[in-house]
Amino acid sequence: MMRRNRKKNRTAKWFLPAGMAAVVVAGLALLHVWLGFSCEALGRDIQALEKTQAMLEQRLQTGEAEWAFLRSPKNLEAALARMNIQMAFPLASEIVRLDNNDLRNQQKGWLAEGVSLARMDSMR
């Protein structure tokens, strides 16, 4: 009897695993390239957002400085004079202090015509 040819058998056994390994390696290579491109795109996006953030922070600082300048007492007085607005502190007789009992007395008509009260609990 003749012996079987074992060389044929060996080639068939390694061909399938080697092909699968090549497919896996090619897939991993494509994944690596795709991840590289994705990281570069994200880096460009982050850089653009950082530039926008820096610009907005600069605008915020400029606005805050302008607001601080405009609300200084000297500039407020100048603006009032420029607009010809006369302002003064109210006299003691013009100040009305209220508590919760005064709100109940409003219905009794002790306030002058056209004067209304603000509820303090709605302002909190």
PDB file of N, CA and C in Angstrom:
ATOM      1  N   MET A   1       0.788  -1.161   0.000  1.00  0.00           N
ATOM      2  CA  MET A   1       0.000   0.000   0.000  1.00  0.00           C
ATOM      3  C   MET A   1       0.858   1.264   0.000  1.00  0.00           C
ATOM      4  N   MET A   2       0.293   2.247  -0.661  1.00  0.00           N
ATOM      5  CA  MET A   2       1.030   3.498  -0.754  1.00  0.00           C
ATOM      6  C   MET A   2       0.660   4.432   0.396  1.00  0.00           C
ATOM      7  N   ARG A   3       1.625   5.180   0.729  1.00  0.00           N
ATOM      8  CA  ARG A   3       1.372   6.154   1.792  1.00  0.00           C
ATOM      9  C   ARG A   3       0.677   7.382   1.225  1.00  0.00           C
ATOM     10  N   ARG A   4      -0.073   8.043   2.054  1.00  0.00           N
ATOM     11  CA  ARG A   4      -0.777   9.231   1.583  1.00  0.00           C
ATOM     12  C   ARG A   4       0.182  10.417   1.458  1.00  0.00           C
ATOM     13  N   ASN A   5      -0.169  11.309   0.561  1.00  0.00           N
ATOM     14  CA  ASN A   5       0.631  12.512   0.356  1.00  0.00           C
ATOM     15  C   ASN A   5       0.214  13.548   1.419  1.00  0.00           C
ATOM     16  N   ARG A   6       1.089  13.751   2.358  1.00  0.00           N
ATOM     17  CA  ARG A   6       0.753  14.641   3.471  1.00  0.00           C
ATOM     18  C   ARG A   6       0.996  16.110   3.134  1.00  0.00           C
ATOM     19  N   LYS A   7       1.763  16.399   2.127  1.00  0.00           N
ATOM     20  CA  LYS A   7       2.038  17.786   1.776  1.00  0.00           C
ATOM     21  C   LYS A   7       0.773  18.499   1.309  1.00  0.00           C
ATOM     22  N   LYS A   8      -0.104  17.837   0.637  1.00  0.00           N
ATOM     23  CA  LYS A   8      -1.341  18.448   0.197  1.00  0.00           C
ATOM     24  C   LYS A   8      -2.197  18.865   1.393  1.00  0.00           C
ATOM     25  N   ASN A   9      -2.210  18.004   2.360  1.00  0.00           N
ATOM     26  CA  ASN A   9      -2.988  18.275   3.562  1.00  0.00           C
ATOM     27  C   ASN A   9      -2.471  19.502   4.323  1.00  0.00           C
ATOM     28  N   ARG A  10      -1.186  19.682   4.407  1.00  0.00           N
ATOM     29  CA  ARG A  10      -0.596  20.775   5.171  1.00  0.00           C
ATOM     30  C   ARG A  10      -0.919  22.137   4.547  1.00  0.00           C
ATOM     31  N   THR A  11      -0.884  22.231   3.252  1.00  0.00           N
ATOM     32  CA  THR A  11      -1.141  23.525   2.612  1.00  0.00           C
ATOM     33  C   THR A  11      -2.585  23.962   2.832  1.00  0.00           C
ATOM     34  N   ALA A  12      -3.481  23.047   2.860  1.00  0.00           N
ATOM     35  CA  ALA A  12      -4.877  23.400   3.054  1.00  0.00           C
ATOM     36  C   ALA A  12      -5.137  23.847   4.485  1.00  0.00           C
ATOM     37  N   LYS A  13      -4.374  23.359   5.427  1.00  0.00           N
ATOM     38  CA  LYS A  13      -4.599  23.714   6.833  1.00  0.00           C
ATOM     39  C   LYS A  13      -4.149  25.136   7.165  1.00  0.00           C
ATOM     40  N   TRP A  14      -3.101  25.642   6.616  1.00  0.00           N
ATOM     41  CA  TRP A  14      -2.606  26.968   6.975  1.00  0.00           C
ATOM     42  C   TRP A  14      -3.138  28.066   6.077  1.00  0.00           C
ATOM     43  N   PHE A  15      -3.698  27.723   4.918  1.00  0.00           N
ATOM     44  CA  PHE A  15      -4.156  28.740   3.990  1.00  0.00           C
ATOM     45  C   PHE A  15      -5.312  29.577   4.564  1.00  0.00           C
ATOM     46  N   LEU A  16      -6.314  28.948   5.148  1.00  0.00           N
ATOM     47  CA  LEU A  16      -7.471  29.658   5.698  1.00  0.00           C
ATOM     48  C   LEU A  16      -7.087  30.554   6.879  1.00  0.00           C
ATOM     49  N   PRO A  17      -6.344  30.067   7.887  1.00  0.00           N
ATOM     50  CA  PRO A  17      -5.942  30.973   8.983  1.00  0.00           C
ATOM     51  C   PRO A  17      -5.055  32.128   8.523  1.00  0.00           C
ATOM     52  N   ALA A  18      -4.182  31.877   7.569  1.00  0.00           N
ATOM     53  CA  ALA A  18      -3.305  32.944   7.083  1.00  0.00           C
ATOM     54  C   ALA A  18      -4.133  34.002   6.344  1.00  0.00           C
ATOM     55  N   GLY A  19      -5.115  33.600   5.584  1.00  0.00           N
ATOM     56  CA  GLY A  19      -5.983  34.548   4.892  1.00  0.00           C
ATOM     57  C   GLY A  19      -6.802  35.370   5.873  1.00  0.00           C
ATOM     58  N   MET A  20      -7.309  34.707   6.897  1.00  0.00           N
ATOM     59  CA  MET A  20      -8.074  35.433   7.913  1.00  0.00           C
ATOM     60  C   MET A  20      -7.183  36.419   8.662  1.00  0.00           C
ATOM     61  N   ALA A  21      -5.959  36.014   8.963  1.00  0.00           N
ATOM     62  CA  ALA A  21      -5.024  36.903   9.646  1.00  0.00           C
ATOM     63  C   ALA A  21      -4.719  38.118   8.776  1.00  0.00           C
ATOM     64  N   ALA A  22      -4.569  37.909   7.472  1.00  0.00           N
ATOM     65  CA  ALA A  22      -4.294  39.024   6.564  1.00  0.00           C
ATOM     66  C   ALA A  22      -5.477  39.992   6.526  1.00  0.00           C
ATOM     67  N   VAL A  23      -6.689  39.455   6.521  1.00  0.00           N
ATOM     68  CA  VAL A  23      -7.879  40.308   6.528  1.00  0.00           C
ATOM     69  C   VAL A  23      -7.948  41.106   7.822  1.00  0.00           C
ATOM     70  N   VAL A  24      -7.645  40.482   8.941  1.00  0.00           N
ATOM     71  CA  VAL A  24      -7.674  41.175  10.239  1.00  0.00           C
ATOM     72  C   VAL A  24      -6.616  42.271  10.273  1.00  0.00           C
ATOM     73  N   VAL A  25      -5.400  41.955   9.788  1.00  0.00           N
ATOM     74  CA  VAL A  25      -4.324  42.955   9.785  1.00  0.00           C
ATOM     75  C   VAL A  25      -4.700  44.127   8.872  1.00  0.00           C
ATOM     76  N   ALA A  26      -5.280  43.841   7.707  1.00  0.00           N
ATOM     77  CA  ALA A  26      -5.699  44.916   6.805  1.00  0.00           C
ATOM     78  C   ALA A  26      -6.794  45.756   7.453  1.00  0.00           C
ATOM     79  N   GLY A  27      -7.734  45.126   8.134  1.00  0.00           N
ATOM     80  CA  GLY A  27      -8.787  45.861   8.835  1.00  0.00           C
ATOM     81  C   GLY A  27      -8.222  46.755   9.924  1.00  0.00           C
ATOM     82  N   LEU A  28      -7.266  46.219  10.684  1.00  0.00           N
ATOM     83  CA  LEU A  28      -6.635  47.031  11.731  1.00  0.00           C
ATOM     84  C   LEU A  28      -5.851  48.195  11.135  1.00  0.00           C
ATOM     85  N   ALA A  29      -5.209  47.990  10.002  1.00  0.00           N
ATOM     86  CA  ALA A  29      -4.472  49.072   9.338  1.00  0.00           C
ATOM     87  C   ALA A  29      -5.434  50.160   8.889  1.00  0.00           C
ATOM     88  N   LEU A  30      -6.560  49.783   8.310  1.00  0.00           N
ATOM     89  CA  LEU A  30      -7.561  50.770   7.902  1.00  0.00           C
ATOM     90  C   LEU A  30      -8.134  51.503   9.106  1.00  0.00           C
ATOM     91  N   LEU A  31      -8.372  50.785  10.182  1.00  0.00           N
ATOM     92  CA  LEU A  31      -8.865  51.413  11.406  1.00  0.00           C
ATOM     93  C   LEU A  31      -7.859  52.427  11.934  1.00  0.00           C
ATOM     94  N   HIS A  32      -6.581  52.082  11.894  1.00  0.00           N
ATOM     95  CA  HIS A  32      -5.527  52.978  12.365  1.00  0.00           C
ATOM     96  C   HIS A  32      -5.493  54.262  11.520  1.00  0.00           C
ATOM     97  N   VAL A  33      -5.581  54.123  10.205  1.00  0.00           N
ATOM     98  CA  VAL A  33      -5.571  55.285   9.323  1.00  0.00           C
ATOM     99  C   VAL A  33      -6.806  56.142   9.560  1.00  0.00           C
ATOM    100  N   TRP A  34      -7.967  55.516   9.698  1.00  0.00           N
ATOM    101  CA  TRP A  34      -9.212  56.262   9.939  1.00  0.00           C
ATOM    102  C   TRP A  34      -9.145  57.022  11.265  1.00  0.00           C
ATOM    103  N   LEU A  35      -8.622  56.363  12.305  1.00  0.00           N
ATOM    104  CA  LEU A  35      -8.495  57.037  13.601  1.00  0.00           C
ATOM    105  C   LEU A  35      -7.533  58.219  13.511  1.00  0.00           C
ATOM    106  N   GLY A  36      -6.467  58.081  12.733  1.00  0.00           N
ATOM    107  CA  GLY A  36      -5.530  59.196  12.553  1.00  0.00           C
ATOM    108  C   GLY A  36      -6.203  60.394  11.919  1.00  0.00           C
ATOM    109  N   PHE A  37      -6.968  60.142  10.843  1.00  0.00           N
ATOM    110  CA  PHE A  37      -7.686  61.239  10.192  1.00  0.00           C
ATOM    111  C   PHE A  37      -8.727  61.846  11.123  1.00  0.00           C
ATOM    112  N   SER A  38      -9.416  61.017  11.886  1.00  0.00           N
ATOM    113  CA  SER A  38     -10.424  61.531  12.813  1.00  0.00           C
ATOM    114  C   SER A  38      -9.786  62.401  13.886  1.00  0.00           C
ATOM    115  N   CYS A  39      -8.655  61.972  14.408  1.00  0.00           N
ATOM    116  CA  CYS A  39      -7.972  62.764  15.435  1.00  0.00           C
ATOM    117  C   CYS A  39      -7.502  64.104  14.872  1.00  0.00           C
ATOM    118  N   GLU A  40      -6.995  64.106  13.646  1.00  0.00           N
ATOM    119  CA  GLU A  40      -6.566  65.362  13.038  1.00  0.00           C
ATOM    120  C   GLU A  40      -7.753  66.301  12.825  1.00  0.00           C
ATOM    121  N   ALA A  41      -8.888  65.761  12.385  1.00  0.00           N
ATOM    122  CA  ALA A  41     -10.082  66.593  12.185  1.00  0.00           C
ATOM    123  C   ALA A  41     -10.563  67.157  13.513  1.00  0.00           C
ATOM    124  N   LEU A  42     -10.572  66.329  14.557  1.00  0.00           N
ATOM    125  CA  LEU A  42     -10.980  66.820  15.875  1.00  0.00           C
ATOM    126  C   LEU A  42     -10.013  67.883  16.390  1.00  0.00           C
ATOM    127  N   GLY A  43      -8.737  67.697  16.120  1.00  0.00           N
ATOM    128  CA  GLY A  43      -7.745  68.697  16.526  1.00  0.00           C
ATOM    129  C   GLY A  43      -7.985  70.036  15.858  1.00  0.00           C
ATOM    130  N   ARG A  44      -8.321  70.004  14.551  1.00  0.00           N
ATOM    131  CA  ARG A  44      -8.625  71.255  13.850  1.00  0.00           C
ATOM    132  C   ARG A  44      -9.883  71.905  14.415  1.00  0.00           C
ATOM    133  N   ASP A  45     -10.886  71.088  14.718  1.00  0.00           N
ATOM    134  CA  ASP A  45     -12.116  71.630  15.310  1.00  0.00           C
ATOM    135  C   ASP A  45     -11.845  72.262  16.667  1.00  0.00           C
ATOM    136  N   ILE A  46     -11.062  71.590  17.485  1.00  0.00           N
ATOM    137  CA  ILE A  46     -10.732  72.115  18.819  1.00  0.00           C
ATOM    138  C   ILE A  46      -9.956  73.419  18.691  1.00  0.00           C
ATOM    139  N   GLN A  47      -9.036  73.478  17.741  1.00  0.00           N
ATOM    140  CA  GLN A  47      -8.255  74.696  17.546  1.00  0.00           C
ATOM    141  C   GLN A  47      -9.153  75.858  17.132  1.00  0.00           C
ATOM    142  N   ALA A  48     -10.104  75.609  16.244  1.00  0.00           N
ATOM    143  CA  ALA A  48     -11.032  76.669  15.826  1.00  0.00           C
ATOM    144  C   ALA A  48     -11.894  77.110  16.998  1.00  0.00           C
ATOM    145  N   LEU A  49     -12.358  76.163  17.809  1.00  0.00           N
ATOM    146  CA  LEU A  49     -13.175  76.518  18.972  1.00  0.00           C
ATOM    147  C   LEU A  49     -12.370  77.303  20.005  1.00  0.00           C
ATOM    148  N   GLU A  50     -11.097  76.958  20.167  1.00  0.00           N
ATOM    149  CA  GLU A  50     -10.249  77.705  21.107  1.00  0.00           C
ATOM    150  C   GLU A  50     -10.045  79.138  20.628  1.00  0.00           C
ATOM    151  N   LYS A  51      -9.895  79.331  19.306  1.00  0.00           N
ATOM    152  CA  LYS A  51      -9.769  80.695  18.782  1.00  0.00           C
ATOM    153  C   LYS A  51     -11.051  81.482  19.028  1.00  0.00           C
ATOM    154  N   THR A  52     -12.199  80.834  18.812  1.00  0.00           N
ATOM    155  CA  THR A  52     -13.479  81.493  19.057  1.00  0.00           C
ATOM    156  C   THR A  52     -13.629  81.835  20.534  1.00  0.00           C
ATOM    157  N   GLN A  53     -13.224  80.918  21.417  1.00  0.00           N
ATOM    158  CA  GLN A  53     -13.311  81.170  22.853  1.00  0.00           C
ATOM    159  C   GLN A  53     -12.421  82.347  23.249  1.00  0.00           C
ATOM    160  N   ALA A  54     -11.210  82.400  22.706  1.00  0.00           N
ATOM    161  CA  ALA A  54     -10.309  83.512  23.030  1.00  0.00           C
ATOM    162  C   ALA A  54     -10.894  84.842  22.561  1.00  0.00           C
ATOM    163  N   MET A  55     -11.513  84.845  21.361  1.00  0.00           N
ATOM    164  CA  MET A  55     -12.118  86.070  20.852  1.00  0.00           C
ATOM    165  C   MET A  55     -13.285  86.500  21.741  1.00  0.00           C
ATOM    166  N   LEU A  56     -14.120  85.535  22.153  1.00  0.00           N
ATOM    167  CA  LEU A  56     -15.266  85.865  23.006  1.00  0.00           C
ATOM    168  C   LEU A  56     -14.817  86.341  24.387  1.00  0.00           C
ATOM    169  N   GLU A  57     -13.755  85.731  24.922  1.00  0.00           N
ATOM    170  CA  GLU A  57     -13.234  86.192  26.216  1.00  0.00           C
ATOM    171  C   GLU A  57     -12.719  87.618  26.102  1.00  0.00           C
ATOM    172  N   GLN A  58     -12.069  87.947  24.977  1.00  0.00           N
ATOM    173  CA  GLN A  58     -11.582  89.310  24.768  1.00  0.00           C
ATOM    174  C   GLN A  58     -12.747  90.286  24.678  1.00  0.00           C
ATOM    175  N   ARG A  59     -13.808  89.905  23.955  1.00  0.00           N
ATOM    176  CA  ARG A  59     -14.995  90.764  23.864  1.00  0.00           C
ATOM    177  C   ARG A  59     -15.641  90.951  25.231  1.00  0.00           C
ATOM    178  N   LEU A  60     -15.672  89.879  26.043  1.00  0.00           N
ATOM    179  CA  LEU A  60     -16.244  89.980  27.387  1.00  0.00           C
ATOM    180  C   LEU A  60     -15.440  90.955  28.243  1.00  0.00           C
ATOM    181  N   GLN A  61     -14.126  90.852  28.202  1.00  0.00           N
ATOM    182  CA  GLN A  61     -13.289  91.764  28.985  1.00  0.00           C
ATOM    183  C   GLN A  61     -13.471  93.204  28.524  1.00  0.00           C
ATOM    184  N   THR A  62     -13.565  93.395  27.217  1.00  0.00           N
ATOM    185  CA  THR A  62     -13.781  94.746  26.693  1.00  0.00           C
ATOM    186  C   THR A  62     -15.131  95.291  27.149  1.00  0.00           C
ATOM    187  N   GLY A  63     -16.167  94.454  27.079  1.00  0.00           N
ATOM    188  CA  GLY A  63     -17.491  94.879  27.518  1.00  0.00           C
ATOM    189  C   GLY A  63     -17.547  95.182  29.002  1.00  0.00           C
ATOM    190  N   GLU A  64     -16.882  94.354  29.800  1.00  0.00           N
ATOM    191  CA  GLU A  64     -16.861  94.603  31.247  1.00  0.00           C
ATOM    192  C   GLU A  64     -16.129  95.895  31.566  1.00  0.00           C
ATOM    193  N   ALA A  65     -15.024  96.146  30.871  1.00  0.00           N
ATOM    194  CA  ALA A  65     -14.281  97.391  31.112  1.00  0.00           C
ATOM    195  C   ALA A  65     -15.119  98.596  30.710  1.00  0.00           C
ATOM    196  N   GLU A  66     -15.816  98.481  29.586  1.00  0.00           N
ATOM    197  CA  GLU A  66     -16.670  99.584  29.142  1.00  0.00           C
ATOM    198  C   GLU A  66     -17.816  99.818  30.118  1.00  0.00           C
ATOM    199  N   TRP A  67     -18.412  98.733  30.610  1.00  0.00           N
ATOM    200  CA  TRP A  67     -19.507  98.853  31.577  1.00  0.00           C
ATOM    201  C   TRP A  67     -19.016  99.505  32.863  1.00  0.00           C
ATOM    202  N   ALA A  68     -17.858  99.090  33.338  1.00  0.00           N
ATOM    203  CA  ALA A  68     -17.311  99.683  34.559  1.00  0.00           C
ATOM    204  C   ALA A  68     -17.034 101.175  34.350  1.00  0.00           C
ATOM    205  N   PHE A  69     -16.548 101.527  33.175  1.00  0.00           N
ATOM    206  CA  PHE A  69     -16.275 102.931  32.878  1.00  0.00           C
ATOM    207  C   PHE A  69     -17.568 103.742  32.840  1.00  0.00           C
ATOM    208  N   LEU A  70     -18.597 103.183  32.176  1.00  0.00           N
ATOM    209  CA  LEU A  70     -19.842 103.930  32.017  1.00  0.00           C
ATOM    210  C   LEU A  70     -20.627 104.076  33.311  1.00  0.00           C
ATOM    211  N   ARG A  71     -20.494 103.139  34.226  1.00  0.00           N
ATOM    212  CA  ARG A  71     -21.297 103.229  35.440  1.00  0.00           C
ATOM    213  C   ARG A  71     -20.561 103.907  36.595  1.00  0.00           C
ATOM    214  N   SER A  72     -19.399 104.447  36.331  1.00  0.00           N
ATOM    215  CA  SER A  72     -18.711 105.198  37.380  1.00  0.00           C
ATOM    216  C   SER A  72     -19.521 106.464  37.679  1.00  0.00           C
ATOM    217  N   PRO A  73     -19.494 106.934  38.915  1.00  0.00           N
ATOM    218  CA  PRO A  73     -20.296 108.106  39.293  1.00  0.00           C
ATOM    219  C   PRO A  73     -20.014 109.331  38.423  1.00  0.00           C
ATOM    220  N   LYS A  74     -18.763 109.529  38.077  1.00  0.00           N
ATOM    221  CA  LYS A  74     -18.410 110.702  37.264  1.00  0.00           C
ATOM    222  C   LYS A  74     -19.096 110.619  35.895  1.00  0.00           C
ATOM    223  N   ASN A  75     -19.052 109.468  35.272  1.00  0.00           N
ATOM    224  CA  ASN A  75     -19.655 109.315  33.943  1.00  0.00           C
ATOM    225  C   ASN A  75     -21.178 109.298  34.004  1.00  0.00           C
ATOM    226  N   LEU A  76     -21.741 108.769  35.094  1.00  0.00           N
ATOM    227  CA  LEU A  76     -23.195 108.807  35.243  1.00  0.00           C
ATOM    228  C   LEU A  76     -23.690 110.235  35.365  1.00  0.00           C
ATOM    229  N   GLU A  77     -22.991 111.023  36.160  1.00  0.00           N
ATOM    230  CA  GLU A  77     -23.375 112.426  36.299  1.00  0.00           C
ATOM    231  C   GLU A  77     -23.233 113.168  34.982  1.00  0.00           C
ATOM    232  N   ALA A  78     -22.191 112.870  34.229  1.00  0.00           N
ATOM    233  CA  ALA A  78     -22.009 113.519  32.929  1.00  0.00           C
ATOM    234  C   ALA A  78     -23.125 113.120  31.968  1.00  0.00           C
ATOM    235  N   ALA A  79     -23.514 111.850  31.987  1.00  0.00           N
ATOM    236  CA  ALA A  79     -24.593 111.393  31.103  1.00  0.00           C
ATOM    237  C   ALA A  79     -25.923 112.039  31.496  1.00  0.00           C
ATOM    238  N   LEU A  80     -26.177 112.154  32.807  1.00  0.00           N
ATOM    239  CA  LEU A  80     -27.407 112.813  33.255  1.00  0.00           C
ATOM    240  C   LEU A  80     -27.423 114.282  32.843  1.00  0.00           C
ATOM    241  N   ALA A  81     -26.286 114.950  32.961  1.00  0.00           N
ATOM    242  CA  ALA A  81     -26.214 116.360  32.569  1.00  0.00           C
ATOM    243  C   ALA A  81     -26.385 116.503  31.058  1.00  0.00           C
ATOM    244  N   ARG A  82     -25.783 115.581  30.300  1.00  0.00           N
ATOM    245  CA  ARG A  82     -25.890 115.629  28.843  1.00  0.00           C
ATOM    246  C   ARG A  82     -27.333 115.428  28.386  1.00  0.00           C
ATOM    247  N   MET A  83     -28.092 114.599  29.097  1.00  0.00           N
ATOM    248  CA  MET A  83     -29.489 114.334  28.741  1.00  0.00           C
ATOM    249  C   MET A  83     -30.450 115.276  29.454  1.00  0.00           C
ATOM    250  N   ASN A  84     -29.893 116.198  30.246  1.00  0.00           N
ATOM    251  CA  ASN A  84     -30.676 117.179  30.980  1.00  0.00           C
ATOM    252  C   ASN A  84     -31.697 116.505  31.909  1.00  0.00           C
ATOM    253  N   ILE A  85     -31.216 115.529  32.650  1.00  0.00           N
ATOM    254  CA  ILE A  85     -32.054 114.823  33.616  1.00  0.00           C
ATOM    255  C   ILE A  85     -31.654 115.303  35.011  1.00  0.00           C
ATOM    256  N   GLN A  86     -32.638 115.785  35.753  1.00  0.00           N
ATOM    257  CA  GLN A  86     -32.398 116.257  37.116  1.00  0.00           C
ATOM    258  C   GLN A  86     -32.789 115.147  38.086  1.00  0.00           C
ATOM    259  N   MET A  87     -31.843 114.642  38.843  1.00  0.00           N
ATOM    260  CA  MET A  87     -32.130 113.579  39.809  1.00  0.00           C
ATOM    261  C   MET A  87     -31.652 114.013  41.185  1.00  0.00           C
ATOM    262  N   ALA A  88     -32.408 113.619  42.184  1.00  0.00           N
ATOM    263  CA  ALA A  88     -32.043 113.916  43.565  1.00  0.00           C
ATOM    264  C   ALA A  88     -32.592 112.790  44.442  1.00  0.00           C
ATOM    265  N   PHE A  89     -32.033 112.663  45.624  1.00  0.00           N
ATOM    266  CA  PHE A  89     -32.532 111.656  46.560  1.00  0.00           C
ATOM    267  C   PHE A  89     -33.924 112.074  47.044  1.00  0.00           C
ATOM    268  N   PRO A  90     -34.794 111.118  47.332  1.00  0.00           N
ATOM    269  CA  PRO A  90     -36.135 111.488  47.804  1.00  0.00           C
ATOM    270  C   PRO A  90     -36.062 112.068  49.217  1.00  0.00           C
ATOM    271  N   LEU A  91     -37.006 112.907  49.507  1.00  0.00           N
ATOM    272  CA  LEU A  91     -37.106 113.474  50.854  1.00  0.00           C
ATOM    273  C   LEU A  91     -37.654 112.410  51.795  1.00  0.00           C
ATOM    274  N   ALA A  92     -37.466 112.605  53.060  1.00  0.00           N
ATOM    275  CA  ALA A  92     -37.939 111.627  54.047  1.00  0.00           C
ATOM    276  C   ALA A  92     -39.455 111.491  53.999  1.00  0.00           C
ATOM    277  N   SER A  93     -40.129 112.572  53.670  1.00  0.00           N
ATOM    278  CA  SER A  93     -41.601 112.509  53.613  1.00  0.00           C
ATOM    279  C   SER A  93     -42.086 111.752  52.373  1.00  0.00           C
ATOM    280  N   GLU A  94     -41.221 111.535  51.393  1.00  0.00           N
ATOM    281  CA  GLU A  94     -41.602 110.835  50.171  1.00  0.00           C
ATOM    282  C   GLU A  94     -41.349 109.326  50.236  1.00  0.00           C
ATOM    283  N   ILE A  95     -40.713 108.867  51.275  1.00  0.00           N
ATOM    284  CA  ILE A  95     -40.391 107.439  51.409  1.00  0.00           C
ATOM    285  C   ILE A  95     -41.516 106.747  52.172  1.00  0.00           C
ATOM    286  N   VAL A  96     -42.023 105.659  51.627  1.00  0.00           N
ATOM    287  CA  VAL A  96     -43.086 104.883  52.265  1.00  0.00           C
ATOM    288  C   VAL A  96     -42.517 103.514  52.601  1.00  0.00           C
ATOM    289  N   ARG A  97     -42.555 103.161  53.851  1.00  0.00           N
ATOM    290  CA  ARG A  97     -42.091 101.834  54.273  1.00  0.00           C
ATOM    291  C   ARG A  97     -43.309 100.972  54.525  1.00  0.00           C
ATOM    292  N   LEU A  98     -43.263  99.750  54.024  1.00  0.00           N
ATOM    293  CA  LEU A  98     -44.420  98.870  54.090  1.00  0.00           C
ATOM    294  C   LEU A  98     -44.078  97.583  54.825  1.00  0.00           C
ATOM    295  N   ASP A  99     -45.059  97.022  55.464  1.00  0.00           N
ATOM    296  CA  ASP A  99     -44.954  95.664  55.986  1.00  0.00           C
ATOM    297  C   ASP A  99     -46.204  94.914  55.545  1.00  0.00           C
ATOM    298  N   ASN A 100     -46.366  93.682  55.964  1.00  0.00           N
ATOM    299  CA  ASN A 100     -47.505  92.884  55.511  1.00  0.00           C
ATOM    300  C   ASN A 100     -48.846  93.474  55.962  1.00  0.00           C
ATOM    301  N   ASN A 101     -48.900  94.128  57.121  1.00  0.00           N
ATOM    302  CA  ASN A 101     -50.150  94.740  57.578  1.00  0.00           C
ATOM    303  C   ASN A 101     -50.577  95.871  56.650  1.00  0.00           C
ATOM    304  N   ASP A 102     -49.624  96.593  56.098  1.00  0.00           N
ATOM    305  CA  ASP A 102     -49.946  97.684  55.185  1.00  0.00           C
ATOM    306  C   ASP A 102     -50.601  97.155  53.915  1.00  0.00           C
ATOM    307  N   LEU A 103     -50.229  95.971  53.493  1.00  0.00           N
ATOM    308  CA  LEU A 103     -50.845  95.403  52.294  1.00  0.00           C
ATOM    309  C   LEU A 103     -52.321  95.115  52.541  1.00  0.00           C
ATOM    310  N   ARG A 104     -52.654  94.676  53.751  1.00  0.00           N
ATOM    311  CA  ARG A 104     -54.061  94.426  54.073  1.00  0.00           C
ATOM    312  C   ARG A 104     -54.831  95.737  54.178  1.00  0.00           C
ATOM    313  N   ASN A 105     -54.171  96.801  54.634  1.00  0.00           N
ATOM    314  CA  ASN A 105     -54.827  98.099  54.786  1.00  0.00           C
ATOM    315  C   ASN A 105     -55.048  98.802  53.445  1.00  0.00           C
ATOM    316  N   GLN A 106     -54.418  98.304  52.397  1.00  0.00           N
ATOM    317  CA  GLN A 106     -54.582  98.932  51.098  1.00  0.00           C
ATOM    318  C   GLN A 106     -56.049  98.911  50.669  1.00  0.00           C
ATOM    319  N   GLN A 107     -56.743  97.833  50.984  1.00  0.00           N
ATOM    320  CA  GLN A 107     -58.142  97.748  50.605  1.00  0.00           C
ATOM    321  C   GLN A 107     -58.991  98.766  51.386  1.00  0.00           C
ATOM    322  N   LYS A 108     -58.524  99.218  52.520  1.00  0.00           N
ATOM    323  CA  LYS A 108     -59.293 100.167  53.326  1.00  0.00           C
ATOM    324  C   LYS A 108     -59.190 101.589  52.798  1.00  0.00           C
ATOM    325  N   GLY A 109     -58.337 101.818  51.797  1.00  0.00           N
ATOM    326  CA  GLY A 109     -58.282 103.121  51.157  1.00  0.00           C
ATOM    327  C   GLY A 109     -57.404 104.135  51.850  1.00  0.00           C
ATOM    328  N   TRP A 110     -56.389 103.744  52.604  1.00  0.00           N
ATOM    329  CA  TRP A 110     -55.547 104.722  53.265  1.00  0.00           C
ATOM    330  C   TRP A 110     -54.487 105.291  52.344  1.00  0.00           C
ATOM    331  N   LEU A 111     -54.302 104.672  51.143  1.00  0.00           N
ATOM    332  CA  LEU A 111     -53.333 105.216  50.184  1.00  0.00           C
ATOM    333  C   LEU A 111     -54.015 106.241  49.291  1.00  0.00           C
ATOM    334  N   ALA A 112     -53.221 107.139  48.769  1.00  0.00           N
ATOM    335  CA  ALA A 112     -53.756 108.161  47.865  1.00  0.00           C
ATOM    336  C   ALA A 112     -54.191 107.514  46.553  1.00  0.00           C
ATOM    337  N   GLU A 113     -55.027 108.195  45.835  1.00  0.00           N
ATOM    338  CA  GLU A 113     -55.542 107.702  44.553  1.00  0.00           C
ATOM    339  C   GLU A 113     -54.382 107.480  43.581  1.00  0.00           C
ATOM    340  N   GLY A 114     -54.350 106.338  42.919  1.00  0.00           N
ATOM    341  CA  GLY A 114     -53.338 106.045  41.911  1.00  0.00           C
ATOM    342  C   GLY A 114     -52.054 105.461  42.457  1.00  0.00           C
ATOM    343  N   VAL A 115     -51.924 105.301  43.777  1.00  0.00           N
ATOM    344  CA  VAL A 115     -50.709 104.729  44.361  1.00  0.00           C
ATOM    345  C   VAL A 115     -50.936 103.232  44.543  1.00  0.00           C
ATOM    346  N   SER A 116     -49.968 102.437  44.106  1.00  0.00           N
ATOM    347  CA  SER A 116     -50.099 100.986  44.275  1.00  0.00           C
ATOM    348  C   SER A 116     -48.906 100.457  45.055  1.00  0.00           C
ATOM    349  N   LEU A 117     -49.067  99.290  45.592  1.00  0.00           N
ATOM    350  CA  LEU A 117     -48.023  98.677  46.406  1.00  0.00           C
ATOM    351  C   LEU A 117     -47.465  97.449  45.705  1.00  0.00           C
ATOM    352  N   ALA A 118     -46.189  97.186  45.937  1.00  0.00           N
ATOM    353  CA  ALA A 118     -45.564  95.964  45.421  1.00  0.00           C
ATOM    354  C   ALA A 118     -45.496  94.967  46.560  1.00  0.00           C
ATOM    355  N   ARG A 119     -45.824  93.718  46.255  1.00  0.00           N
ATOM    356  CA  ARG A 119     -45.734  92.678  47.279  1.00  0.00           C
ATOM    357  C   ARG A 119     -44.283  92.253  47.410  1.00  0.00           C
ATOM    358  N   MET A 120     -43.757  92.267  48.615  1.00  0.00           N
ATOM    359  CA  MET A 120     -42.362  91.928  48.848  1.00  0.00           C
ATOM    360  C   MET A 120     -42.107  90.438  48.642  1.00  0.00           C
ATOM    361  N   ASP A 121     -43.070  89.585  48.950  1.00  0.00           N
ATOM    362  CA  ASP A 121     -42.837  88.154  48.805  1.00  0.00           C
ATOM    363  C   ASP A 121     -42.745  87.739  47.350  1.00  0.00           C
ATOM    364  N   SER A 122     -43.283  88.522  46.414  1.00  0.00           N
ATOM    365  CA  SER A 122     -43.179  88.185  45.000  1.00  0.00           C
ATOM    366  C   SER A 122     -41.839  88.593  44.430  1.00  0.00           C
ATOM    367  N   MET A 123     -41.073  89.393  45.159  1.00  0.00           N
ATOM    368  CA  MET A 123     -39.781  89.851  44.669  1.00  0.00           C
ATOM    369  C   MET A 123     -38.653  88.925  45.082  1.00  0.00           C
ATOM    370  N   ARG A 124     -38.907  87.986  45.905  1.00  0.00           N
ATOM    371  CA  ARG A 124     -37.832  87.103  46.395  1.00  0.00           C
ATOM    372  C   ARG A 124     -37.573  85.995  45.433  1.00  0.00           C
TER     373      ARG A 124
END
